[in-house]
Every structure is written in structure tokens, then in C-alpha cells.
Amino acid sequence: MKAITYREEYLEIGFTPPLLLERWTRRVRLFMELFREIGLDKVYSVIKPGPCPEDALLLAHEKDYVEFVREKGEEGVGYLDYGDTPAYPNVYHKARLAVGGTFELAKMVAKGELEVGFNPQGGFHHAKKDAAAGFCVFNDIAIAAYYLLKQGFKKIAIVDIDGHHGDGTQEILYREPVLKISIHRYSPGVFFPGTGGVEELGEGEGYGYSVNVPLPEGSGDDVFEMAMKEVIIPLLEKFKPEVLIAQMGVDAHEGDPLVGLRFTSRSYSLFAEEMRRISLEYRTRIIGLGGGGYEENSTSRMWALMLSKLVDMDVAEKLRDEKEGISSNSRIVEIVRKRIKHLKSELEIS
């Protein structure tokens, strides 16, 4: 089965500051309109998920933190972190609904019911074990990974193409042999969250399972393609994942107001096409998650494009950017090439 998880409340849920909330919710509305307009609803079933069970939250989060979020939701004022993630009224229930879509997809995978799934309200990769961060309350990626491990899956891979580093996911799973690959803008001290350097490779049993491809501001499609061909694809082919959790954030898109990377539909098409190839070659099940994206039209369009590519549906002409194939300047290319060379040496990628 191919499915998306969606409920009407998803059109109102967001954990951003008020100024960004309309952008966050409108992209889901636009995506659902595109989903029906281009016929994705004829390929993907729509599943209405329930809230994530409280015991599932505890797979990735400390009990005291879960209780803190519940209490702040009752208060309905202040912040859940240092000032990025507001404590909206009933935020605890809203966060459970959002991550419930991801948990539902993980349950379907465990039952053998799902080949490809997508939660447009998922991908909260900044949430830590004991703290909110960066508009993320509960880390649905880590919750799904731990749940699937408990269900007997051995080879779980996470690939995160959001413009920000998936620091919470990495931190929670840093000592776990779950393959975590993140490609993101990296400017320590300048750009949030400041983590995700090539030297962050994991600890203990998780050493070598945290892989970061950090990009300078202004990086375009050419360096994304380089990273895919020289790092991401070889690692996935070597690992042969049973389940691939894809954080499909689109805030690295050209024109996004927050990130400063310059990907176009060429990059997002390549990503989805390769994930489909991996899934067919290794019988890998895919759980896709919305992630970031603060230009509503491009975010909804790239989500729809990637979902169409994941099922080999030919609607690219309706969805791709007018201008594709943005090149990076020579300085950026050289920086990325050196970082990839370092990773290939450390991880013994041929």
C-alpha cells in the first residue's frame, strides 16, 4: 500500500512562532490541493491517524519532559524552549496528533502493510530527548526508529535533506546502529543549529552511523548531486535498509526565506528517484516526512513532486521549477569536495 496520513486538524497545527504559523499550515493546505489535482489520491490512500500513544513518546523522550509539555499546553503561554517554540494552548495534544501520523506509518510498516508513506506534519528533527527546539516538540523520526527496532527491524536508515541539520535525531540516536545521513547548510555560530560537521560520526555501537554532509550557504543542485552520488547512495547500497525514513524538508529550496541554499526541483527529483530505486532493489519500505519549508508554494510543490517520483508517476512537467540545475561557485564546490573526501576516507566509501 501507498498512503499518506492526514486529518483536518493538520491544516491548523504548527509549532512555529505566530509570524510563521500561517506559512506552516498553508503549505499543508496547498499540498492537499495538489495531491488531489494531479491525481496522487488515486495512488496513495489517505489514512486518518490518531494521536501518538503516550508510551510511544517515551521511546525517545524523558518522562519529565513529556509531562512538561503537557503542563505548558494547559498553561498555553510562554515557550517550550529558549524562545523558538511557543507553548500554544493544548500544544501537547497537537504535537501528539502531528507525530501520530508518523507513528501510524511505522505501525503499518511493522504489519507489512506499507510500501511508501508520507506525513506532511512530520519530520520534527530538532526535538531532543529532554527538550523542544527549532519548532519541534516531539521527535517523530526517533520515535519511529525506536518503535521499528522493537518490532525486530535491524536495518533502519534515516536520510534528512532539510536545510537544517537534524541535530535532535542525531543526538537521540547517536549511540545506535541506525544509519543517519543529513545534508544541510553548515555555518557554526551563524546558522541554526550549528551542528552537523563531518567529524560527528557517532559513539559506541553507533560509530560510523552518523553521517553529515555540511554545505556552505549558496550551495546549489550540483553539490547536492555530488553528495548523493559519492556519499548518500553508496552508503545506502552498502547498508541495504529494510526501512528508510526520509525527512523531506524543502527549506533548502532556492528562494526559501530562512536557509540560503539553492536546490531546485532537479535535486528533489534526483532524491526521490534514487530512494525509489533503493526501495525496489532492496525491498526497502519508505516513510516520508514533511520537515521544514517556509515558502509555501515551492514546499507543497516539491512534496508532491517527490511523492510522484516515489511511485513513478509522470507529472513532473506540472511540478518542476522553471529554472533547474543551479550551479555553485568554485569555492563552494571545492569546500564540499574536501568534506566529501574526508567522509569517504573515514567511512571507507569507495
Protein backbone atom coordinates (compact mmCIF):
# COMPACT_ATOMS: atom_id res chain seq x y z
CA MET A 1 0.00 0.00 0.00
CA LYS A 2 0.98 3.61 -0.63
CA ALA A 3 -0.54 6.03 1.87
CA ILE A 4 -0.40 9.47 3.38
CA THR A 5 -1.54 10.23 6.91
CA TYR A 6 -3.77 13.26 7.18
CA ARG A 7 -6.56 14.72 9.29
CA GLU A 8 -8.30 18.09 9.03
CA GLU A 9 -6.56 19.33 12.18
CA TYR A 10 -3.28 19.22 10.23
CA LEU A 11 -4.43 22.38 8.47
CA GLU A 12 -4.20 24.28 11.77
CA ILE A 13 -1.27 22.62 13.58
CA GLY A 14 2.14 24.25 13.78
CA PHE A 15 4.79 24.87 16.41
CA THR A 16 6.43 27.94 14.89
CA PRO A 17 6.29 31.50 16.23
CA PRO A 18 2.99 33.22 15.27
CA LEU A 19 4.57 35.10 12.35
CA LEU A 20 5.43 31.83 10.60
CA LEU A 21 2.37 29.81 11.59
CA GLU A 22 0.29 30.70 8.51
CA ARG A 23 3.17 29.72 6.21
CA TRP A 24 3.47 26.35 8.00
CA THR A 25 -0.21 25.48 7.82
CA ARG A 26 -0.85 26.91 4.35
CA ARG A 27 1.79 24.64 2.78
CA VAL A 28 -0.17 21.61 4.03
CA ARG A 29 -3.38 23.05 2.57
CA LEU A 30 -1.69 23.69 -0.79
CA PHE A 31 -0.15 20.22 -0.77
CA MET A 32 -3.52 18.57 -0.21
CA GLU A 33 -4.99 20.59 -3.08
CA LEU A 34 -2.14 19.49 -5.38
CA PHE A 35 -2.43 15.92 -4.09
CA ARG A 36 -5.96 15.74 -5.47
CA GLU A 37 -5.42 17.96 -8.52
CA ILE A 38 -2.63 15.86 -10.06
CA GLY A 39 -4.17 12.51 -9.14
CA LEU A 40 -1.92 11.37 -6.31
CA ASP A 41 -5.11 10.48 -4.45
CA LYS A 42 -5.62 7.70 -6.99
CA VAL A 43 -2.30 6.12 -5.99
CA TYR A 44 -1.98 6.96 -2.30
CA SER A 45 -4.66 6.05 0.21
CA VAL A 46 -5.45 8.71 2.84
CA ILE A 47 -5.28 7.34 6.39
CA LYS A 48 -6.61 9.30 9.35
CA PRO A 49 -4.15 8.78 12.22
CA GLY A 50 -4.84 9.02 15.90
CA PRO A 51 -2.61 10.82 18.39
CA CYS A 52 0.74 9.21 19.11
CA PRO A 53 0.34 6.97 22.20
CA GLU A 54 1.95 8.39 25.32
CA ASP A 55 4.08 5.27 25.83
CA ALA A 56 5.45 5.70 22.29
CA LEU A 57 6.60 9.24 23.15
CA LEU A 58 8.71 7.67 25.91
CA LEU A 59 10.64 5.64 23.37
CA ALA A 60 12.59 8.80 22.51
CA HIS A 61 11.79 11.29 25.30
CA GLU A 62 12.19 11.51 29.06
CA LYS A 63 9.02 11.28 31.10
CA ASP A 64 9.70 14.60 32.85
CA TYR A 65 9.90 16.37 29.51
CA VAL A 66 6.65 14.81 28.27
CA GLU A 67 4.95 15.99 31.46
CA PHE A 68 6.45 19.45 31.00
CA VAL A 69 4.90 19.74 27.53
CA ARG A 70 1.54 18.60 28.89
CA GLU A 71 1.66 21.25 31.62
CA LYS A 72 2.72 24.02 29.22
CA GLY A 73 -0.17 23.06 26.93
CA GLU A 74 -2.55 23.59 29.83
CA GLU A 75 -0.98 26.98 30.58
CA GLY A 76 -0.95 27.94 26.89
CA VAL A 77 1.65 30.69 27.24
CA GLY A 78 5.43 31.03 27.10
CA TYR A 79 7.86 28.77 25.28
CA LEU A 80 8.86 25.14 25.32
CA ASP A 81 12.50 26.04 24.71
CA TYR A 82 14.79 29.10 24.61
CA GLY A 83 12.33 31.19 22.59
CA ASP A 84 11.72 29.45 19.24
CA THR A 85 8.92 27.00 20.03
CA PRO A 86 5.80 28.57 21.58
CA ALA A 87 3.62 26.83 24.17
CA TYR A 88 0.33 27.22 22.33
CA PRO A 89 -2.85 26.21 24.18
CA ASN A 90 -3.21 22.43 24.01
CA VAL A 91 0.23 22.09 22.40
CA TYR A 92 0.68 18.63 23.95
CA HIS A 93 -2.36 17.21 22.14
CA LYS A 94 -1.46 18.99 18.89
CA ALA A 95 2.06 17.57 18.99
CA ARG A 96 0.71 14.06 19.62
CA LEU A 97 -1.62 14.43 16.61
CA ALA A 98 1.23 15.60 14.37
CA VAL A 99 3.64 12.81 15.30
CA GLY A 100 0.75 10.34 15.37
CA GLY A 101 0.80 10.40 11.57
CA THR A 102 4.38 9.16 11.57
CA PHE A 103 3.69 6.54 14.23
CA GLU A 104 0.75 5.24 12.18
CA LEU A 105 3.03 4.79 9.16
CA ALA A 106 5.59 2.95 11.32
CA LYS A 107 2.86 0.62 12.59
CA MET A 108 1.77 -0.07 9.02
CA VAL A 109 5.36 -0.91 8.06
CA ALA A 110 5.64 -3.27 11.05
CA LYS A 111 2.45 -5.06 9.93
CA GLY A 112 3.76 -5.41 6.37
CA GLU A 113 1.02 -3.13 5.03
CA LEU A 114 3.03 -0.17 3.72
CA GLU A 115 5.45 0.27 0.84
CA VAL A 116 5.58 4.08 0.70
CA GLY A 117 4.03 6.57 3.12
CA PHE A 118 4.12 10.30 3.84
CA ASN A 119 3.15 12.50 6.77
CA PRO A 120 3.08 16.21 5.80
CA GLN A 121 3.02 17.10 9.51
CA GLY A 122 6.09 15.03 10.37
CA GLY A 123 9.86 15.41 10.43
CA PHE A 124 10.48 17.18 13.77
CA HIS A 125 14.20 16.55 13.77
CA HIS A 126 15.33 19.22 16.26
CA ALA A 127 13.43 17.86 19.29
CA LYS A 128 15.82 16.39 21.86
CA LYS A 129 15.29 13.64 24.40
CA ASP A 130 14.51 16.22 27.10
CA ALA A 131 13.82 19.47 25.24
CA ALA A 132 11.99 21.15 22.40
CA ALA A 133 13.96 23.10 19.80
CA GLY A 134 13.55 24.78 16.42
CA PHE A 135 9.73 24.47 16.12
CA CYS A 136 9.90 20.76 17.09
CA VAL A 137 8.17 19.35 20.19
CA PHE A 138 8.45 15.56 19.89
CA ASN A 139 10.92 13.80 17.60
CA ASP A 140 8.74 11.53 15.47
CA ILE A 141 11.76 10.30 13.49
CA ALA A 142 13.46 8.88 16.58
CA ILE A 143 10.14 7.56 17.91
CA ALA A 144 9.52 5.66 14.65
CA ALA A 145 13.08 4.32 14.57
CA TYR A 146 12.92 3.00 18.14
CA TYR A 147 9.48 1.51 17.55
CA LEU A 148 10.68 -0.35 14.46
CA LEU A 149 13.76 -1.60 16.31
CA LYS A 150 11.46 -3.01 18.98
CA GLN A 151 9.43 -4.71 16.24
CA GLY A 152 12.52 -6.61 15.12
CA PHE A 153 13.80 -4.49 12.25
CA LYS A 154 17.60 -4.43 12.16
CA LYS A 155 18.47 -2.07 9.32
CA ILE A 156 16.82 1.32 9.61
CA ALA A 157 18.19 4.29 7.68
CA ILE A 158 17.29 7.96 8.07
CA VAL A 159 18.09 10.41 5.27
CA ASP A 160 17.43 14.06 6.09
CA ILE A 161 17.55 16.62 3.25
CA ASP A 162 16.08 19.52 5.26
CA GLY A 163 18.17 22.69 5.07
CA HIS A 164 18.87 22.48 8.82
CA HIS A 165 20.89 19.73 10.47
CA GLY A 166 18.81 17.02 12.15
CA ASP A 167 20.55 17.59 15.47
CA GLY A 168 17.85 16.14 17.72
CA THR A 169 17.58 12.94 15.71
CA GLN A 170 21.36 12.57 15.70
CA GLU A 171 21.65 13.24 19.44
CA ILE A 172 18.92 10.79 20.47
CA LEU A 173 20.25 8.02 18.22
CA TYR A 174 23.97 8.86 18.42
CA ARG A 175 24.94 5.56 20.05
CA GLU A 176 22.54 3.43 18.00
CA PRO A 177 23.46 1.48 14.84
CA VAL A 178 20.74 3.30 12.92
CA LEU A 179 22.18 4.88 9.77
CA LYS A 180 21.60 8.64 9.92
CA ILE A 181 22.55 10.82 6.95
CA SER A 182 21.94 14.57 6.93
CA ILE A 183 22.75 17.05 4.16
CA HIS A 184 22.30 20.64 5.32
CA ARG A 185 23.65 24.15 5.49
CA TYR A 186 26.51 24.37 7.99
CA SER A 187 27.67 27.70 9.41
CA PRO A 188 28.58 27.24 13.11
CA GLY A 189 27.81 30.31 15.20
CA VAL A 190 25.84 31.83 12.32
CA PHE A 191 23.17 29.36 11.22
CA PHE A 192 20.91 27.18 13.39
CA PRO A 193 21.62 24.70 14.92
CA GLY A 194 25.37 24.92 14.32
CA THR A 195 25.90 21.15 14.48
CA GLY A 196 26.39 18.58 11.75
CA GLY A 197 30.08 18.69 10.91
CA VAL A 198 31.84 15.80 9.17
CA GLU A 199 33.59 14.82 12.40
CA GLU A 200 30.29 13.93 14.12
CA LEU A 201 30.27 10.21 13.36
CA GLY A 202 28.55 8.64 16.37
CA GLU A 203 29.70 6.85 19.52
CA GLY A 204 29.89 3.26 20.75
CA GLU A 205 27.80 0.91 18.63
CA GLY A 206 26.64 3.96 16.72
CA TYR A 207 30.10 4.99 15.50
CA GLY A 208 30.05 5.43 11.74
CA TYR A 209 26.26 5.56 11.68
CA SER A 210 26.00 9.36 11.91
CA VAL A 211 26.97 10.90 8.59
CA ASN A 212 26.81 14.61 7.85
CA VAL A 213 27.30 16.37 4.54
CA PRO A 214 27.61 20.04 5.57
CA LEU A 215 27.15 22.64 2.83
CA PRO A 216 28.11 26.32 2.67
CA GLU A 217 25.49 28.99 2.09
CA GLY A 218 24.68 29.29 -1.61
CA SER A 219 25.15 25.61 -2.44
CA GLY A 220 23.15 24.52 -5.48
CA ASP A 221 21.99 21.41 -7.32
CA ASP A 222 25.49 20.41 -8.42
CA VAL A 223 26.80 19.82 -4.90
CA PHE A 224 23.59 18.02 -3.90
CA GLU A 225 24.12 15.67 -6.83
CA MET A 226 27.77 15.23 -5.85
CA ALA A 227 26.78 14.30 -2.28
CA MET A 228 24.11 11.90 -3.48
CA LYS A 229 26.41 10.06 -5.90
CA GLU A 230 29.54 9.96 -3.73
CA VAL A 231 28.16 9.56 -0.19
CA ILE A 232 24.42 9.01 0.24
CA ILE A 233 23.77 6.40 -2.46
CA PRO A 234 26.92 4.32 -1.77
CA LEU A 235 26.14 4.22 1.95
CA LEU A 236 22.54 3.15 1.38
CA GLU A 237 23.60 0.49 -1.13
CA LYS A 238 26.14 -0.86 1.36
CA PHE A 239 23.64 -0.76 4.26
CA LYS A 240 20.66 -2.22 2.35
CA PRO A 241 17.98 -0.75 4.65
CA GLU A 242 14.79 -2.57 5.49
CA VAL A 243 13.14 0.77 6.25
CA LEU A 244 14.13 4.23 5.05
CA ILE A 245 12.80 7.24 6.96
CA ALA A 246 13.16 10.27 4.69
CA GLN A 247 12.95 13.73 6.24
CA MET A 248 11.85 15.58 3.08
CA GLY A 249 12.10 19.18 4.24
CA VAL A 250 12.13 21.72 1.40
CA ASP A 251 13.67 24.73 3.13
CA ALA A 252 16.89 24.18 1.16
CA HIS A 253 14.94 25.21 -1.96
CA GLU A 254 16.01 28.30 -3.90
CA GLY A 255 14.03 31.21 -2.52
CA ASP A 256 13.22 29.82 0.91
CA PRO A 257 13.41 32.79 3.31
CA LEU A 258 15.26 31.02 6.17
CA VAL A 259 18.08 28.84 4.86
CA GLY A 260 20.11 30.23 1.95
CA LEU A 261 20.69 27.04 -0.07
CA ARG A 262 19.75 26.90 -3.74
CA PHE A 263 18.26 23.50 -4.56
CA THR A 264 15.65 23.23 -7.30
CA SER A 265 13.30 20.50 -8.47
CA ARG A 266 16.32 18.83 -10.06
CA SER A 267 17.67 17.92 -6.61
CA TYR A 268 14.32 16.83 -5.19
CA SER A 269 13.60 14.71 -8.27
CA LEU A 270 17.00 13.04 -8.03
CA PHE A 271 16.49 12.31 -4.34
CA ALA A 272 13.08 10.71 -4.82
CA GLU A 273 14.14 8.75 -7.92
CA GLU A 274 17.11 7.27 -6.05
CA MET A 275 15.02 6.45 -2.98
CA ARG A 276 12.58 4.62 -5.25
CA ARG A 277 15.44 2.72 -6.87
CA ILE A 278 16.81 1.74 -3.45
CA SER A 279 13.35 0.63 -2.34
CA LEU A 280 12.91 -1.59 -5.40
CA GLU A 281 16.40 -3.06 -5.25
CA TYR A 282 16.41 -3.90 -1.54
CA ARG A 283 12.65 -4.13 -0.85
CA THR A 284 13.00 -1.11 1.39
CA ARG A 285 9.87 0.46 2.86
CA ILE A 286 9.80 4.26 2.83
CA ILE A 287 8.35 6.60 5.43
CA GLY A 288 8.46 10.18 4.14
CA LEU A 289 8.07 13.18 6.43
CA GLY A 290 7.33 16.81 5.59
CA GLY A 291 10.03 18.61 7.55
CA GLY A 292 10.72 22.30 7.06
CA GLY A 293 9.87 24.68 4.24
CA TYR A 294 8.84 28.32 4.61
CA GLU A 295 7.89 29.25 1.05
CA GLU A 296 4.50 27.60 0.87
CA ASN A 297 4.16 27.17 -2.89
CA SER A 298 7.55 25.58 -3.51
CA THR A 299 7.30 23.38 -0.41
CA SER A 300 3.92 21.92 -1.36
CA ARG A 301 5.02 21.52 -4.97
CA MET A 302 8.28 19.71 -4.12
CA TRP A 303 6.45 17.39 -1.72
CA ALA A 304 4.03 16.49 -4.50
CA LEU A 305 6.90 16.08 -6.96
CA MET A 306 8.79 13.72 -4.65
CA LEU A 307 5.68 11.66 -3.90
CA SER A 308 5.01 11.32 -7.63
CA LYS A 309 8.60 10.20 -8.28
CA LEU A 310 8.43 7.65 -5.45
CA VAL A 311 5.66 5.84 -7.32
CA ASP A 312 6.98 6.55 -10.85
CA MET A 313 4.05 8.81 -11.70
CA ASP A 314 4.79 11.12 -14.64
CA VAL A 315 3.57 14.56 -13.56
CA ALA A 316 6.97 16.27 -13.30
CA GLU A 317 6.17 18.79 -16.04
CA LYS A 318 3.40 20.24 -13.90
CA LEU A 319 5.53 20.50 -10.76
CA ARG A 320 9.15 21.21 -11.58
CA ASP A 321 10.75 24.64 -11.32
CA GLU A 322 11.05 26.86 -14.37
CA LYS A 323 14.77 27.08 -13.72
CA GLU A 324 16.56 23.86 -12.77
CA GLY A 325 20.20 22.96 -12.31
CA ILE A 326 21.63 25.83 -10.25
CA SER A 327 25.42 25.64 -10.06
CA SER A 328 27.55 26.60 -7.05
CA ASN A 329 30.60 28.81 -7.31
CA SER A 330 34.04 27.19 -7.45
CA ARG A 331 34.82 27.98 -3.79
CA ILE A 332 31.72 26.14 -2.60
CA VAL A 333 32.42 23.16 -4.86
CA GLU A 334 35.95 22.87 -3.51
CA ILE A 335 34.79 23.08 0.13
CA VAL A 336 32.19 20.37 -0.39
CA ARG A 337 34.61 18.20 -2.35
CA LYS A 338 37.09 18.29 0.57
CA ARG A 339 34.38 17.42 3.09
CA ILE A 340 33.19 14.52 0.96
CA LYS A 341 36.77 13.29 0.59
CA HIS A 342 37.10 13.31 4.38
CA LEU A 343 33.87 11.34 4.80
CA LYS A 344 34.85 8.79 2.17
CA SER A 345 38.15 8.23 3.96
CA GLU A 346 36.61 7.92 7.43
CA LEU A 347 33.74 5.66 6.30
CA GLU A 348 35.73 3.70 3.72
CA ILE A 349 33.40 4.60 0.86
CA SER A 350 34.84 3.52 -2.47
